[in-house]
Amino acid sequence: TELLRDAGLPENTLDNLQGLVSYRRFLELLKLSAARSGDPLFGLKLGLSQGVSIFGPILYLLNNARTVGEALTEL
């Protein structure tokens, strides 16, 4: 909860994982987490743990595009 507070997020943010948070505050949380972890590979490890499902419906769009150009146009 200290990280959440320091990033300017409510301490109960984790109680509703489907809720919306400020993008800037979320980025601040990531920055603080990376700095305090002391792990230079924090971002890489976070990305690997999330997998491609983080893209949600956009992943369907990308998987069904015939070319990279078509995917970029749809995005």
PDB file of N, CA and C in Angstrom:
ATOM      1  N   THR A   1       0.809  -1.198   0.000  1.00  0.00           N
ATOM      2  CA  THR A   1       0.000   0.000   0.000  1.00  0.00           C
ATOM      3  C   THR A   1       0.856   1.268   0.000  1.00  0.00           C
ATOM      4  N   GLU A   2       2.090   1.148   0.467  1.00  0.00           N
ATOM      5  CA  GLU A   2       2.984   2.308   0.460  1.00  0.00           C
ATOM      6  C   GLU A   2       3.255   2.773  -0.961  1.00  0.00           C
ATOM      7  N   LEU A   3       3.505   1.832  -1.861  1.00  0.00           N
ATOM      8  CA  LEU A   3       3.743   2.189  -3.260  1.00  0.00           C
ATOM      9  C   LEU A   3       2.518   2.868  -3.867  1.00  0.00           C
ATOM     10  N   LEU A   4       1.352   2.319  -3.593  1.00  0.00           N
ATOM     11  CA  LEU A   4       0.125   2.922  -4.121  1.00  0.00           C
ATOM     12  C   LEU A   4      -0.020   4.352  -3.619  1.00  0.00           C
ATOM     13  N   ARG A   5       0.168   4.544  -2.340  1.00  0.00           N
ATOM     14  CA  ARG A   5       0.041   5.878  -1.749  1.00  0.00           C
ATOM     15  C   ARG A   5       1.060   6.835  -2.358  1.00  0.00           C
ATOM     16  N   ASP A   6       2.308   6.373  -2.475  1.00  0.00           N
ATOM     17  CA  ASP A   6       3.359   7.226  -3.021  1.00  0.00           C
ATOM     18  C   ASP A   6       3.122   7.580  -4.494  1.00  0.00           C
ATOM     19  N   ALA A   7       2.405   6.717  -5.192  1.00  0.00           N
ATOM     20  CA  ALA A   7       2.070   6.984  -6.599  1.00  0.00           C
ATOM     21  C   ALA A   7       0.806   7.822  -6.724  1.00  0.00           C
ATOM     22  N   GLY A   8       0.179   8.128  -5.593  1.00  0.00           N
ATOM     23  CA  GLY A   8      -1.024   8.943  -5.622  1.00  0.00           C
ATOM     24  C   GLY A   8      -2.295   8.168  -5.892  1.00  0.00           C
ATOM     25  N   LEU A   9      -2.241   6.855  -5.699  1.00  0.00           N
ATOM     26  CA  LEU A   9      -3.415   6.009  -5.905  1.00  0.00           C
ATOM     27  C   LEU A   9      -4.046   5.661  -4.560  1.00  0.00           C
ATOM     28  N   PRO A  10      -5.356   5.435  -4.527  1.00  0.00           N
ATOM     29  CA  PRO A  10      -6.005   5.028  -3.285  1.00  0.00           C
ATOM     30  C   PRO A  10      -5.436   3.688  -2.802  1.00  0.00           C
ATOM     31  N   GLU A  11      -5.339   3.533  -1.500  1.00  0.00           N
ATOM     32  CA  GLU A  11      -4.767   2.303  -0.946  1.00  0.00           C
ATOM     33  C   GLU A  11      -5.628   1.078  -1.234  1.00  0.00           C
ATOM     34  N   ASN A  12      -6.895   1.278  -1.575  1.00  0.00           N
ATOM     35  CA  ASN A  12      -7.772   0.140  -1.882  1.00  0.00           C
ATOM     36  C   ASN A  12      -7.824  -0.163  -3.388  1.00  0.00           C
ATOM     37  N   THR A  13      -6.897   0.357  -4.142  1.00  0.00           N
ATOM     38  CA  THR A  13      -6.883   0.156  -5.603  1.00  0.00           C
ATOM     39  C   THR A  13      -6.888  -1.323  -5.973  1.00  0.00           C
ATOM     40  N   LEU A  14      -6.179  -2.143  -5.214  1.00  0.00           N
ATOM     41  CA  LEU A  14      -6.086  -3.567  -5.547  1.00  0.00           C
ATOM     42  C   LEU A  14      -7.352  -4.349  -5.218  1.00  0.00           C
ATOM     43  N   ASP A  15      -8.294  -3.716  -4.513  1.00  0.00           N
ATOM     44  CA  ASP A  15      -9.553  -4.381  -4.194  1.00  0.00           C
ATOM     45  C   ASP A  15     -10.455  -4.512  -5.419  1.00  0.00           C
ATOM     46  N   ASN A  16     -10.234  -3.682  -6.423  1.00  0.00           N
ATOM     47  CA  ASN A  16     -11.036  -3.714  -7.640  1.00  0.00           C
ATOM     48  C   ASN A  16     -10.094  -3.682  -8.839  1.00  0.00           C
ATOM     49  N   LEU A  17      -9.621  -4.842  -9.235  1.00  0.00           N
ATOM     50  CA  LEU A  17      -8.640  -4.917 -10.321  1.00  0.00           C
ATOM     51  C   LEU A  17      -9.221  -4.577 -11.686  1.00  0.00           C
ATOM     52  N   GLN A  18     -10.539  -4.519 -11.804  1.00  0.00           N
ATOM     53  CA  GLN A  18     -11.174  -4.141 -13.078  1.00  0.00           C
ATOM     54  C   GLN A  18     -11.470  -2.651 -13.121  1.00  0.00           C
ATOM     55  N   GLY A  19     -11.189  -1.943 -12.041  1.00  0.00           N
ATOM     56  CA  GLY A  19     -11.470  -0.519 -11.976  1.00  0.00           C
ATOM     57  C   GLY A  19     -10.494   0.291 -12.824  1.00  0.00           C
ATOM     58  N   LEU A  20     -10.812   1.542 -13.016  1.00  0.00           N
ATOM     59  CA  LEU A  20      -9.974   2.439 -13.807  1.00  0.00           C
ATOM     60  C   LEU A  20      -9.089   3.268 -12.887  1.00  0.00           C
ATOM     61  N   VAL A  21      -7.868   3.487 -13.321  1.00  0.00           N
ATOM     62  CA  VAL A  21      -6.953   4.371 -12.603  1.00  0.00           C
ATOM     63  C   VAL A  21      -6.345   5.341 -13.612  1.00  0.00           C
ATOM     64  N   SER A  22      -5.872   6.442 -13.102  1.00  0.00           N
ATOM     65  CA  SER A  22      -5.215   7.431 -13.946  1.00  0.00           C
ATOM     66  C   SER A  22      -3.981   6.803 -14.596  1.00  0.00           C
ATOM     67  N   TYR A  23      -3.839   7.024 -15.891  1.00  0.00           N
ATOM     68  CA  TYR A  23      -2.685   6.482 -16.613  1.00  0.00           C
ATOM     69  C   TYR A  23      -1.380   7.045 -16.053  1.00  0.00           C
ATOM     70  N   ARG A  24      -1.376   8.327 -15.742  1.00  0.00           N
ATOM     71  CA  ARG A  24      -0.166   8.953 -15.193  1.00  0.00           C
ATOM     72  C   ARG A  24       0.195   8.360 -13.843  1.00  0.00           C
ATOM     73  N   ARG A  25      -0.819   8.095 -13.027  1.00  0.00           N
ATOM     74  CA  ARG A  25      -0.548   7.506 -11.711  1.00  0.00           C
ATOM     75  C   ARG A  25      -0.066   6.065 -11.856  1.00  0.00           C
ATOM     76  N   PHE A  26      -0.628   5.352 -12.832  1.00  0.00           N
ATOM     77  CA  PHE A  26      -0.179   3.979 -13.096  1.00  0.00           C
ATOM     78  C   PHE A  26       1.289   3.974 -13.529  1.00  0.00           C
ATOM     79  N   LEU A  27       1.659   4.901 -14.405  1.00  0.00           N
ATOM     80  CA  LEU A  27       3.056   4.999 -14.833  1.00  0.00           C
ATOM     81  C   LEU A  27       3.966   5.351 -13.655  1.00  0.00           C
ATOM     82  N   GLU A  28       3.478   6.211 -12.778  1.00  0.00           N
ATOM     83  CA  GLU A  28       4.243   6.557 -11.587  1.00  0.00           C
ATOM     84  C   GLU A  28       4.427   5.329 -10.699  1.00  0.00           C
ATOM     85  N   LEU A  29       3.394   4.515 -10.578  1.00  0.00           N
ATOM     86  CA  LEU A  29       3.488   3.281  -9.799  1.00  0.00           C
ATOM     87  C   LEU A  29       4.534   2.339 -10.393  1.00  0.00           C
ATOM     88  N   LEU A  30       4.533   2.201 -11.715  1.00  0.00           N
ATOM     89  CA  LEU A  30       5.531   1.349 -12.368  1.00  0.00           C
ATOM     90  C   LEU A  30       6.942   1.892 -12.155  1.00  0.00           C
ATOM     91  N   LYS A  31       7.100   3.199 -12.282  1.00  0.00           N
ATOM     92  CA  LYS A  31       8.412   3.819 -12.097  1.00  0.00           C
ATOM     93  C   LYS A  31       8.910   3.619 -10.672  1.00  0.00           C
ATOM     94  N   LEU A  32       8.053   3.844  -9.692  1.00  0.00           N
ATOM     95  CA  LEU A  32       8.436   3.647  -8.296  1.00  0.00           C
ATOM     96  C   LEU A  32       8.757   2.180  -8.009  1.00  0.00           C
ATOM     97  N   SER A  33       7.951   1.292  -8.555  1.00  0.00           N
ATOM     98  CA  SER A  33       8.167  -0.141  -8.345  1.00  0.00           C
ATOM     99  C   SER A  33       9.510  -0.575  -8.905  1.00  0.00           C
ATOM    100  N   ALA A  34       9.820  -0.107 -10.093  1.00  0.00           N
ATOM    101  CA  ALA A  34      11.096  -0.452 -10.714  1.00  0.00           C
ATOM    102  C   ALA A  34      12.263   0.093  -9.900  1.00  0.00           C
ATOM    103  N   ALA A  35      12.156   1.333  -9.475  1.00  0.00           N
ATOM    104  CA  ALA A  35      13.240   1.958  -8.715  1.00  0.00           C
ATOM    105  C   ALA A  35      13.451   1.262  -7.377  1.00  0.00           C
ATOM    106  N   ARG A  36      12.377   0.959  -6.687  1.00  0.00           N
ATOM    107  CA  ARG A  36      12.497   0.366  -5.356  1.00  0.00           C
ATOM    108  C   ARG A  36      12.852  -1.113  -5.381  1.00  0.00           C
ATOM    109  N   SER A  37      12.582  -1.755  -6.509  1.00  0.00           N
ATOM    110  CA  SER A  37      12.932  -3.180  -6.600  1.00  0.00           C
ATOM    111  C   SER A  37      14.438  -3.365  -6.691  1.00  0.00           C
ATOM    112  N   GLY A  38      15.121  -2.368  -7.263  1.00  0.00           N
ATOM    113  CA  GLY A  38      16.562  -2.488  -7.450  1.00  0.00           C
ATOM    114  C   GLY A  38      16.933  -3.480  -8.538  1.00  0.00           C
ATOM    115  N   ASP A  39      15.946  -3.954  -9.275  1.00  0.00           N
ATOM    116  CA  ASP A  39      16.177  -4.954 -10.323  1.00  0.00           C
ATOM    117  C   ASP A  39      16.227  -4.252 -11.675  1.00  0.00           C
ATOM    118  N   PRO A  40      17.386  -4.245 -12.336  1.00  0.00           N
ATOM    119  CA  PRO A  40      17.475  -3.574 -13.637  1.00  0.00           C
ATOM    120  C   PRO A  40      16.609  -4.239 -14.711  1.00  0.00           C
ATOM    121  N   LEU A  41      16.149  -5.448 -14.455  1.00  0.00           N
ATOM    122  CA  LEU A  41      15.315  -6.166 -15.422  1.00  0.00           C
ATOM    123  C   LEU A  41      13.840  -6.153 -15.031  1.00  0.00           C
ATOM    124  N   PHE A  42      13.465  -5.235 -14.142  1.00  0.00           N
ATOM    125  CA  PHE A  42      12.084  -5.170 -13.652  1.00  0.00           C
ATOM    126  C   PHE A  42      11.073  -5.126 -14.804  1.00  0.00           C
ATOM    127  N   GLY A  43      11.255  -4.221 -15.735  1.00  0.00           N
ATOM    128  CA  GLY A  43      10.315  -4.067 -16.848  1.00  0.00           C
ATOM    129  C   GLY A  43      10.221  -5.312 -17.711  1.00  0.00           C
ATOM    130  N   LEU A  44      11.349  -5.919 -17.987  1.00  0.00           N
ATOM    131  CA  LEU A  44      11.371  -7.147 -18.789  1.00  0.00           C
ATOM    132  C   LEU A  44      10.620  -8.263 -18.079  1.00  0.00           C
ATOM    133  N   LYS A  45      10.884  -8.432 -16.793  1.00  0.00           N
ATOM    134  CA  LYS A  45      10.220  -9.487 -16.025  1.00  0.00           C
ATOM    135  C   LYS A  45       8.720  -9.236 -15.926  1.00  0.00           C
ATOM    136  N   LEU A  46       8.327  -7.991 -15.761  1.00  0.00           N
ATOM    137  CA  LEU A  46       6.904  -7.665 -15.710  1.00  0.00           C
ATOM    138  C   LEU A  46       6.240  -8.013 -17.034  1.00  0.00           C
ATOM    139  N   GLY A  47       6.868  -7.635 -18.127  1.00  0.00           N
ATOM    140  CA  GLY A  47       6.314  -7.940 -19.446  1.00  0.00           C
ATOM    141  C   GLY A  47       6.192  -9.428 -19.698  1.00  0.00           C
ATOM    142  N   LEU A  48       7.190 -10.188 -19.289  1.00  0.00           N
ATOM    143  CA  LEU A  48       7.149 -11.639 -19.484  1.00  0.00           C
ATOM    144  C   LEU A  48       6.070 -12.291 -18.638  1.00  0.00           C
ATOM    145  N   SER A  49       5.822 -11.755 -17.458  1.00  0.00           N
ATOM    146  CA  SER A  49       4.813 -12.360 -16.590  1.00  0.00           C
ATOM    147  C   SER A  49       3.392 -12.069 -17.069  1.00  0.00           C
ATOM    148  N   GLN A  50       3.203 -10.994 -17.828  1.00  0.00           N
ATOM    149  CA  GLN A  50       1.866 -10.636 -18.291  1.00  0.00           C
ATOM    150  C   GLN A  50       1.445 -11.415 -19.528  1.00  0.00           C
ATOM    151  N   GLY A  51       2.364 -11.714 -20.401  1.00  0.00           N
ATOM    152  CA  GLY A  51       2.028 -12.430 -21.615  1.00  0.00           C
ATOM    153  C   GLY A  51       1.248 -11.564 -22.597  1.00  0.00           C
ATOM    154  N   VAL A  52       0.793 -12.162 -23.666  1.00  0.00           N
ATOM    155  CA  VAL A  52       0.102 -11.418 -24.720  1.00  0.00           C
ATOM    156  C   VAL A  52      -1.355 -11.144 -24.394  1.00  0.00           C
ATOM    157  N   SER A  53      -1.893 -11.812 -23.379  1.00  0.00           N
ATOM    158  CA  SER A  53      -3.304 -11.603 -23.043  1.00  0.00           C
ATOM    159  C   SER A  53      -3.566 -10.174 -22.574  1.00  0.00           C
ATOM    160  N   ILE A  54      -2.520  -9.453 -22.224  1.00  0.00           N
ATOM    161  CA  ILE A  54      -2.653  -8.073 -21.781  1.00  0.00           C
ATOM    162  C   ILE A  54      -3.259  -7.200 -22.891  1.00  0.00           C
ATOM    163  N   PHE A  55      -3.131  -7.637 -24.138  1.00  0.00           N
ATOM    164  CA  PHE A  55      -3.640  -6.864 -25.269  1.00  0.00           C
ATOM    165  C   PHE A  55      -5.147  -7.000 -25.458  1.00  0.00           C
ATOM    166  N   GLY A  56      -5.767  -7.973 -24.819  1.00  0.00           N
ATOM    167  CA  GLY A  56      -7.222  -8.138 -24.891  1.00  0.00           C
ATOM    168  C   GLY A  56      -7.709  -8.271 -26.319  1.00  0.00           C
ATOM    169  N   PRO A  57      -8.798  -7.563 -26.674  1.00  0.00           N
ATOM    170  CA  PRO A  57      -9.392  -7.682 -28.011  1.00  0.00           C
ATOM    171  C   PRO A  57      -8.451  -7.260 -29.137  1.00  0.00           C
ATOM    172  N   ILE A  58      -7.486  -6.421 -28.833  1.00  0.00           N
ATOM    173  CA  ILE A  58      -6.541  -5.996 -29.871  1.00  0.00           C
ATOM    174  C   ILE A  58      -5.746  -7.197 -30.379  1.00  0.00           C
ATOM    175  N   LEU A  59      -5.482  -8.162 -29.507  1.00  0.00           N
ATOM    176  CA  LEU A  59      -4.739  -9.357 -29.918  1.00  0.00           C
ATOM    177  C   LEU A  59      -5.495 -10.107 -31.012  1.00  0.00           C
ATOM    178  N   TYR A  60      -6.809 -10.204 -30.891  1.00  0.00           N
ATOM    179  CA  TYR A  60      -7.619 -10.861 -31.922  1.00  0.00           C
ATOM    180  C   TYR A  60      -7.443 -10.163 -33.262  1.00  0.00           C
ATOM    181  N   LEU A  61      -7.478  -8.848 -33.223  1.00  0.00           N
ATOM    182  CA  LEU A  61      -7.299  -8.051 -34.438  1.00  0.00           C
ATOM    183  C   LEU A  61      -5.943  -8.325 -35.070  1.00  0.00           C
ATOM    184  N   LEU A  62      -4.901  -8.313 -34.253  1.00  0.00           N
ATOM    185  CA  LEU A  62      -3.546  -8.525 -34.775  1.00  0.00           C
ATOM    186  C   LEU A  62      -3.361  -9.940 -35.311  1.00  0.00           C
ATOM    187  N   ASN A  63      -3.932 -10.915 -34.620  1.00  0.00           N
ATOM    188  CA  ASN A  63      -3.793 -12.306 -35.060  1.00  0.00           C
ATOM    189  C   ASN A  63      -4.515 -12.585 -36.363  1.00  0.00           C
ATOM    190  N   ASN A  64      -5.537 -11.806 -36.670  1.00  0.00           N
ATOM    191  CA  ASN A  64      -6.337 -12.066 -37.867  1.00  0.00           C
ATOM    192  C   ASN A  64      -6.009 -11.156 -39.041  1.00  0.00           C
ATOM    193  N   ALA A  65      -5.043 -10.300 -38.878  1.00  0.00           N
ATOM    194  CA  ALA A  65      -4.607  -9.461 -39.997  1.00  0.00           C
ATOM    195  C   ALA A  65      -3.769 -10.305 -40.949  1.00  0.00           C
ATOM    196  N   ARG A  66      -3.917 -10.051 -42.224  1.00  0.00           N
ATOM    197  CA  ARG A  66      -3.152 -10.821 -43.217  1.00  0.00           C
ATOM    198  C   ARG A  66      -1.712 -10.349 -43.327  1.00  0.00           C
ATOM    199  N   THR A  67      -1.486  -9.069 -43.052  1.00  0.00           N
ATOM    200  CA  THR A  67      -0.134  -8.514 -43.136  1.00  0.00           C
ATOM    201  C   THR A  67       0.091  -7.567 -41.956  1.00  0.00           C
ATOM    202  N   VAL A  68       1.329  -7.229 -41.727  1.00  0.00           N
ATOM    203  CA  VAL A  68       1.653  -6.261 -40.687  1.00  0.00           C
ATOM    204  C   VAL A  68       1.018  -4.916 -41.037  1.00  0.00           C
ATOM    205  N   GLY A  69       1.079  -4.558 -42.296  1.00  0.00           N
ATOM    206  CA  GLY A  69       0.473  -3.309 -42.740  1.00  0.00           C
ATOM    207  C   GLY A  69      -1.016  -3.256 -42.446  1.00  0.00           C
ATOM    208  N   GLU A  70      -1.696  -4.347 -42.685  1.00  0.00           N
ATOM    209  CA  GLU A  70      -3.144  -4.406 -42.408  1.00  0.00           C
ATOM    210  C   GLU A  70      -3.404  -4.266 -40.911  1.00  0.00           C
ATOM    211  N   ALA A  71      -2.602  -4.901 -40.102  1.00  0.00           N
ATOM    212  CA  ALA A  71      -2.747  -4.784 -38.649  1.00  0.00           C
ATOM    213  C   ALA A  71      -2.552  -3.335 -38.194  1.00  0.00           C
ATOM    214  N   LEU A  72      -1.534  -2.693 -38.744  1.00  0.00           N
ATOM    215  CA  LEU A  72      -1.285  -1.303 -38.368  1.00  0.00           C
ATOM    216  C   LEU A  72      -2.410  -0.394 -38.837  1.00  0.00           C
ATOM    217  N   THR A  73      -2.950  -0.660 -40.002  1.00  0.00           N
ATOM    218  CA  THR A  73      -4.061   0.150 -40.499  1.00  0.00           C
ATOM    219  C   THR A  73      -5.281  -0.017 -39.606  1.00  0.00           C
ATOM    220  N   GLU A  74      -5.563  -1.232 -39.182  1.00  0.00           N
ATOM    221  CA  GLU A  74      -6.706  -1.481 -38.306  1.00  0.00           C
ATOM    222  C   GLU A  74      -6.531  -0.822 -36.935  1.00  0.00           C
ATOM    223  N   LEU A  75      -5.296  -0.816 -36.452  1.00  0.00           N
ATOM    224  CA  LEU A  75      -5.051  -0.172 -35.149  1.00  0.00           C
ATOM    225  C   LEU A  75      -5.288   1.303 -35.252  1.00  0.00           C
TER     226      LEU A  75
END
